[in-house]
Amino acid sequence: MRTWASVVFGILLAGLLVYVVISNNDLVVVTLPLVKWVTKLWAAMVASAVVGAGATMLLTTWPLVRLKLQSRRHSRRIAQLEQEVHGLRTLPIASDSASASSAQKG
């Protein structure tokens, strides 16, 4: 179901892009701090959408990468602690002579 929704969304997005290209053919001047760029309106609109999507992906990906690295560290630490607990469970309990001598003291 999800793949069909993705395909339909992609087709609608492609149709929107074709509509934007057909209906916005005027020349515009895009002025950036060091550059003046004469281009068609649709190209400026598509470029700004691509730059915005890229910036959004970058800003949302960084915290996810940080959380993934932190999760990996925690998983390693949990594995170490589980191994330590297992080692402590397999240790022999005090020998009979040691437990007898402690019982006599009490």
N, C-alpha and C. Protein backbone atom coordinates (compact mmCIF):
# COMPACT_ATOMS: atom_id res chain seq x y z
N MET A 1 0.83 -1.20 0.00
CA MET A 1 0.00 0.00 0.00
C MET A 1 0.87 1.25 0.00
N ARG A 2 1.92 1.21 0.80
CA ARG A 2 2.78 2.38 0.91
C ARG A 2 3.50 2.67 -0.41
N THR A 3 3.91 1.64 -1.12
CA THR A 3 4.60 1.86 -2.39
C THR A 3 3.67 2.48 -3.42
N TRP A 4 2.40 2.05 -3.43
CA TRP A 4 1.45 2.65 -4.36
C TRP A 4 1.23 4.11 -4.05
N ALA A 5 1.14 4.44 -2.79
CA ALA A 5 0.97 5.84 -2.39
C ALA A 5 2.19 6.66 -2.81
N SER A 6 3.38 6.08 -2.68
CA SER A 6 4.60 6.78 -3.09
C SER A 6 4.62 7.01 -4.60
N VAL A 7 4.19 6.01 -5.36
CA VAL A 7 4.15 6.14 -6.83
C VAL A 7 3.16 7.22 -7.23
N VAL A 8 1.97 7.21 -6.62
CA VAL A 8 0.96 8.22 -6.95
C VAL A 8 1.47 9.61 -6.57
N PHE A 9 2.10 9.72 -5.41
CA PHE A 9 2.65 11.02 -4.99
C PHE A 9 3.71 11.49 -5.96
N GLY A 10 4.58 10.59 -6.41
CA GLY A 10 5.61 10.95 -7.38
C GLY A 10 5.03 11.42 -8.70
N ILE A 11 3.98 10.74 -9.15
CA ILE A 11 3.33 11.15 -10.41
C ILE A 11 2.69 12.52 -10.27
N LEU A 12 2.02 12.76 -9.13
CA LEU A 12 1.42 14.08 -8.90
C LEU A 12 2.49 15.17 -8.83
N LEU A 13 3.60 14.88 -8.18
CA LEU A 13 4.69 15.85 -8.09
C LEU A 13 5.28 16.14 -9.47
N ALA A 14 5.45 15.11 -10.28
CA ALA A 14 5.96 15.31 -11.64
C ALA A 14 4.98 16.13 -12.47
N GLY A 15 3.68 15.87 -12.30
CA GLY A 15 2.67 16.66 -13.02
C GLY A 15 2.71 18.12 -12.59
N LEU A 16 2.87 18.36 -11.30
CA LEU A 16 2.98 19.73 -10.80
C LEU A 16 4.21 20.42 -11.38
N LEU A 17 5.32 19.70 -11.46
CA LEU A 17 6.54 20.28 -12.02
C LEU A 17 6.35 20.64 -13.50
N VAL A 18 5.68 19.77 -14.26
CA VAL A 18 5.42 20.06 -15.68
C VAL A 18 4.52 21.29 -15.79
N TYR A 19 3.50 21.38 -14.94
CA TYR A 19 2.61 22.54 -14.96
C TYR A 19 3.37 23.82 -14.64
N VAL A 20 4.26 23.78 -13.66
CA VAL A 20 5.05 24.96 -13.29
C VAL A 20 5.94 25.38 -14.45
N VAL A 21 6.57 24.41 -15.10
CA VAL A 21 7.46 24.73 -16.23
C VAL A 21 6.67 25.35 -17.37
N ILE A 22 5.50 24.81 -17.69
CA ILE A 22 4.71 25.30 -18.82
C ILE A 22 4.17 26.71 -18.53
N SER A 23 3.72 26.95 -17.31
CA SER A 23 3.03 28.20 -17.03
C SER A 23 3.93 29.35 -16.59
N ASN A 24 5.21 29.11 -16.30
CA ASN A 24 6.10 30.17 -15.82
C ASN A 24 7.35 30.26 -16.68
N ASN A 25 7.20 30.83 -17.85
CA ASN A 25 8.33 30.95 -18.78
C ASN A 25 8.94 32.34 -18.82
N ASP A 26 8.53 33.25 -17.96
CA ASP A 26 9.06 34.61 -17.97
C ASP A 26 10.50 34.63 -17.49
N LEU A 27 11.26 35.60 -17.99
CA LEU A 27 12.64 35.77 -17.52
C LEU A 27 12.64 36.62 -16.26
N VAL A 28 13.44 36.20 -15.29
CA VAL A 28 13.59 36.95 -14.03
C VAL A 28 15.07 37.08 -13.72
N VAL A 29 15.38 38.04 -12.87
CA VAL A 29 16.74 38.22 -12.40
C VAL A 29 16.79 37.79 -10.94
N VAL A 30 17.57 36.77 -10.67
CA VAL A 30 17.77 36.30 -9.30
C VAL A 30 19.02 36.98 -8.78
N THR A 31 18.89 37.76 -7.72
CA THR A 31 20.01 38.50 -7.18
C THR A 31 20.44 37.86 -5.87
N LEU A 32 21.66 37.37 -5.85
CA LEU A 32 22.27 36.81 -4.66
C LEU A 32 23.36 37.77 -4.21
N PRO A 33 23.95 37.60 -3.04
CA PRO A 33 24.94 38.58 -2.55
C PRO A 33 26.06 38.91 -3.53
N LEU A 34 26.58 37.95 -4.25
CA LEU A 34 27.69 38.24 -5.16
C LEU A 34 27.37 37.95 -6.63
N VAL A 35 26.14 37.52 -6.90
CA VAL A 35 25.80 37.06 -8.25
C VAL A 35 24.44 37.60 -8.67
N LYS A 36 24.33 38.00 -9.93
CA LYS A 36 23.04 38.27 -10.55
C LYS A 36 22.85 37.23 -11.63
N TRP A 37 21.72 36.54 -11.57
CA TRP A 37 21.51 35.40 -12.44
C TRP A 37 20.20 35.61 -13.19
N VAL A 38 20.26 35.72 -14.51
CA VAL A 38 19.07 35.86 -15.34
C VAL A 38 18.65 34.46 -15.78
N THR A 39 17.43 34.11 -15.44
CA THR A 39 16.94 32.77 -15.74
C THR A 39 15.43 32.80 -15.91
N LYS A 40 14.87 31.70 -16.31
CA LYS A 40 13.42 31.60 -16.40
C LYS A 40 12.85 31.42 -15.01
N LEU A 41 11.62 31.87 -14.82
CA LEU A 41 10.98 31.82 -13.51
C LEU A 41 10.87 30.40 -12.98
N TRP A 42 10.52 29.46 -13.84
CA TRP A 42 10.37 28.09 -13.37
C TRP A 42 11.68 27.51 -12.87
N ALA A 43 12.79 27.88 -13.51
CA ALA A 43 14.11 27.38 -13.08
C ALA A 43 14.46 27.92 -11.70
N ALA A 44 14.14 29.20 -11.47
CA ALA A 44 14.40 29.79 -10.15
C ALA A 44 13.54 29.12 -9.09
N MET A 45 12.29 28.84 -9.42
CA MET A 45 11.40 28.19 -8.46
C MET A 45 11.86 26.77 -8.13
N VAL A 46 12.23 26.02 -9.15
CA VAL A 46 12.70 24.65 -8.94
C VAL A 46 14.02 24.65 -8.17
N ALA A 47 14.92 25.57 -8.51
CA ALA A 47 16.20 25.64 -7.80
C ALA A 47 16.00 25.97 -6.33
N SER A 48 15.09 26.90 -6.04
CA SER A 48 14.85 27.25 -4.63
C SER A 48 14.22 26.08 -3.88
N ALA A 49 13.36 25.32 -4.53
CA ALA A 49 12.76 24.14 -3.89
C ALA A 49 13.81 23.08 -3.61
N VAL A 50 14.72 22.88 -4.57
CA VAL A 50 15.79 21.88 -4.38
C VAL A 50 16.73 22.29 -3.26
N VAL A 51 17.11 23.57 -3.24
CA VAL A 51 18.01 24.07 -2.17
C VAL A 51 17.31 23.97 -0.82
N GLY A 52 16.04 24.32 -0.75
CA GLY A 52 15.30 24.22 0.50
C GLY A 52 15.16 22.79 0.98
N ALA A 53 14.89 21.87 0.07
CA ALA A 53 14.78 20.45 0.44
C ALA A 53 16.12 19.92 0.92
N GLY A 54 17.19 20.31 0.25
CA GLY A 54 18.52 19.87 0.67
C GLY A 54 18.89 20.39 2.05
N ALA A 55 18.60 21.67 2.30
CA ALA A 55 18.90 22.23 3.62
C ALA A 55 18.07 21.56 4.71
N THR A 56 16.81 21.29 4.41
CA THR A 56 15.94 20.62 5.38
C THR A 56 16.45 19.21 5.67
N MET A 57 16.84 18.49 4.64
CA MET A 57 17.38 17.14 4.86
C MET A 57 18.65 17.19 5.69
N LEU A 58 19.52 18.14 5.42
CA LEU A 58 20.76 18.26 6.19
C LEU A 58 20.47 18.57 7.65
N LEU A 59 19.56 19.50 7.90
CA LEU A 59 19.25 19.88 9.28
C LEU A 59 18.53 18.78 10.05
N THR A 60 17.75 17.94 9.38
CA THR A 60 17.06 16.86 10.08
C THR A 60 17.89 15.59 10.16
N THR A 61 18.86 15.42 9.27
CA THR A 61 19.68 14.22 9.27
C THR A 61 20.73 14.26 10.37
N TRP A 62 21.28 15.42 10.68
CA TRP A 62 22.34 15.51 11.68
C TRP A 62 21.91 14.97 13.04
N PRO A 63 20.76 15.37 13.59
CA PRO A 63 20.36 14.79 14.89
C PRO A 63 20.11 13.29 14.81
N LEU A 64 19.60 12.80 13.68
CA LEU A 64 19.37 11.37 13.53
C LEU A 64 20.68 10.59 13.54
N VAL A 65 21.70 11.11 12.88
CA VAL A 65 23.00 10.45 12.86
C VAL A 65 23.58 10.44 14.27
N ARG A 66 23.45 11.56 14.98
CA ARG A 66 23.95 11.64 16.36
C ARG A 66 23.24 10.63 17.25
N LEU A 67 21.92 10.51 17.11
CA LEU A 67 21.17 9.55 17.91
C LEU A 67 21.54 8.10 17.56
N LYS A 68 21.82 7.85 16.30
CA LYS A 68 22.20 6.51 15.89
C LYS A 68 23.55 6.12 16.49
N LEU A 69 24.51 7.06 16.48
CA LEU A 69 25.81 6.79 17.08
C LEU A 69 25.68 6.57 18.58
N GLN A 70 24.86 7.38 19.23
CA GLN A 70 24.63 7.23 20.66
C GLN A 70 23.97 5.88 20.97
N SER A 71 23.03 5.48 20.15
CA SER A 71 22.36 4.18 20.32
C SER A 71 23.37 3.04 20.17
N ARG A 72 24.27 3.15 19.22
CA ARG A 72 25.29 2.12 19.02
C ARG A 72 26.19 2.01 20.25
N ARG A 73 26.59 3.18 20.81
CA ARG A 73 27.41 3.19 22.02
C ARG A 73 26.68 2.53 23.18
N HIS A 74 25.41 2.86 23.34
CA HIS A 74 24.63 2.28 24.42
C HIS A 74 24.45 0.77 24.24
N SER A 75 24.27 0.33 23.00
CA SER A 75 24.13 -1.11 22.74
C SER A 75 25.41 -1.85 23.12
N ARG A 76 26.56 -1.28 22.79
CA ARG A 76 27.83 -1.90 23.17
C ARG A 76 27.96 -1.98 24.68
N ARG A 77 27.60 -0.90 25.36
CA ARG A 77 27.71 -0.87 26.83
C ARG A 77 26.75 -1.88 27.45
N ILE A 78 25.56 -2.01 26.90
CA ILE A 78 24.60 -2.99 27.41
C ILE A 78 25.14 -4.40 27.22
N ALA A 79 25.75 -4.67 26.07
CA ALA A 79 26.33 -5.99 25.82
C ALA A 79 27.45 -6.28 26.82
N GLN A 80 28.29 -5.28 27.12
CA GLN A 80 29.35 -5.47 28.11
C GLN A 80 28.76 -5.77 29.48
N LEU A 81 27.74 -5.03 29.86
CA LEU A 81 27.13 -5.25 31.17
C LEU A 81 26.43 -6.61 31.25
N GLU A 82 25.79 -7.03 30.17
CA GLU A 82 25.17 -8.36 30.16
C GLU A 82 26.22 -9.45 30.30
N GLN A 83 27.35 -9.26 29.63
CA GLN A 83 28.43 -10.23 29.74
C GLN A 83 28.97 -10.27 31.17
N GLU A 84 29.10 -9.12 31.80
CA GLU A 84 29.57 -9.05 33.17
C GLU A 84 28.59 -9.73 34.13
N VAL A 85 27.30 -9.50 33.94
CA VAL A 85 26.28 -10.14 34.77
C VAL A 85 26.33 -11.65 34.57
N HIS A 86 26.47 -12.10 33.35
CA HIS A 86 26.56 -13.53 33.08
C HIS A 86 27.79 -14.12 33.78
N GLY A 87 28.91 -13.41 33.74
CA GLY A 87 30.12 -13.87 34.41
C GLY A 87 29.92 -13.94 35.92
N LEU A 88 29.22 -12.98 36.48
CA LEU A 88 28.97 -13.00 37.91
C LEU A 88 28.01 -14.13 38.30
N ARG A 89 27.08 -14.46 37.43
CA ARG A 89 26.14 -15.54 37.73
C ARG A 89 26.84 -16.90 37.72
N THR A 90 27.88 -17.03 36.90
CA THR A 90 28.56 -18.32 36.80
C THR A 90 29.67 -18.47 37.82
N LEU A 91 29.97 -17.44 38.61
CA LEU A 91 30.98 -17.59 39.66
C LEU A 91 30.48 -18.56 40.71
N PRO A 92 31.40 -19.38 41.22
CA PRO A 92 30.96 -20.28 42.28
C PRO A 92 30.67 -19.50 43.55
N ILE A 93 29.67 -19.94 44.25
CA ILE A 93 29.36 -19.32 45.54
C ILE A 93 30.42 -19.81 46.52
N ALA A 94 30.63 -19.08 47.59
CA ALA A 94 31.70 -19.37 48.54
C ALA A 94 31.74 -20.87 48.87
N SER A 95 32.95 -21.39 49.05
CA SER A 95 33.11 -22.83 49.33
C SER A 95 32.51 -23.20 50.68
N ASP A 96 32.34 -24.49 50.94
CA ASP A 96 31.73 -24.97 52.16
C ASP A 96 32.51 -24.57 53.39
N SER A 97 33.85 -24.63 53.33
CA SER A 97 34.67 -24.29 54.50
C SER A 97 34.55 -22.81 54.82
N ALA A 98 34.45 -21.97 53.80
CA ALA A 98 34.34 -20.54 54.06
C ALA A 98 32.99 -20.22 54.66
N SER A 99 31.95 -20.88 54.19
CA SER A 99 30.62 -20.60 54.72
C SER A 99 30.49 -21.16 56.14
N ALA A 100 31.16 -22.27 56.44
CA ALA A 100 31.11 -22.84 57.79
C ALA A 100 31.83 -21.94 58.79
N SER A 101 32.98 -21.37 58.36
CA SER A 101 33.72 -20.52 59.28
C SER A 101 32.96 -19.22 59.54
N SER A 102 32.24 -18.70 58.53
CA SER A 102 31.46 -17.49 58.76
C SER A 102 30.26 -17.77 59.64
N ALA A 103 29.72 -18.99 59.55
CA ALA A 103 28.57 -19.36 60.39
C ALA A 103 29.02 -19.50 61.85
N GLN A 104 30.23 -19.98 62.08
CA GLN A 104 30.74 -20.14 63.44
C GLN A 104 31.00 -18.79 64.09
N LYS A 105 31.41 -17.78 63.30
CA LYS A 105 31.69 -16.46 63.84
C LYS A 105 30.42 -15.77 64.31
N GLY A 106 29.33 -16.00 63.63
CA GLY A 106 28.10 -15.29 63.91
C GLY A 106 27.39 -15.80 65.06
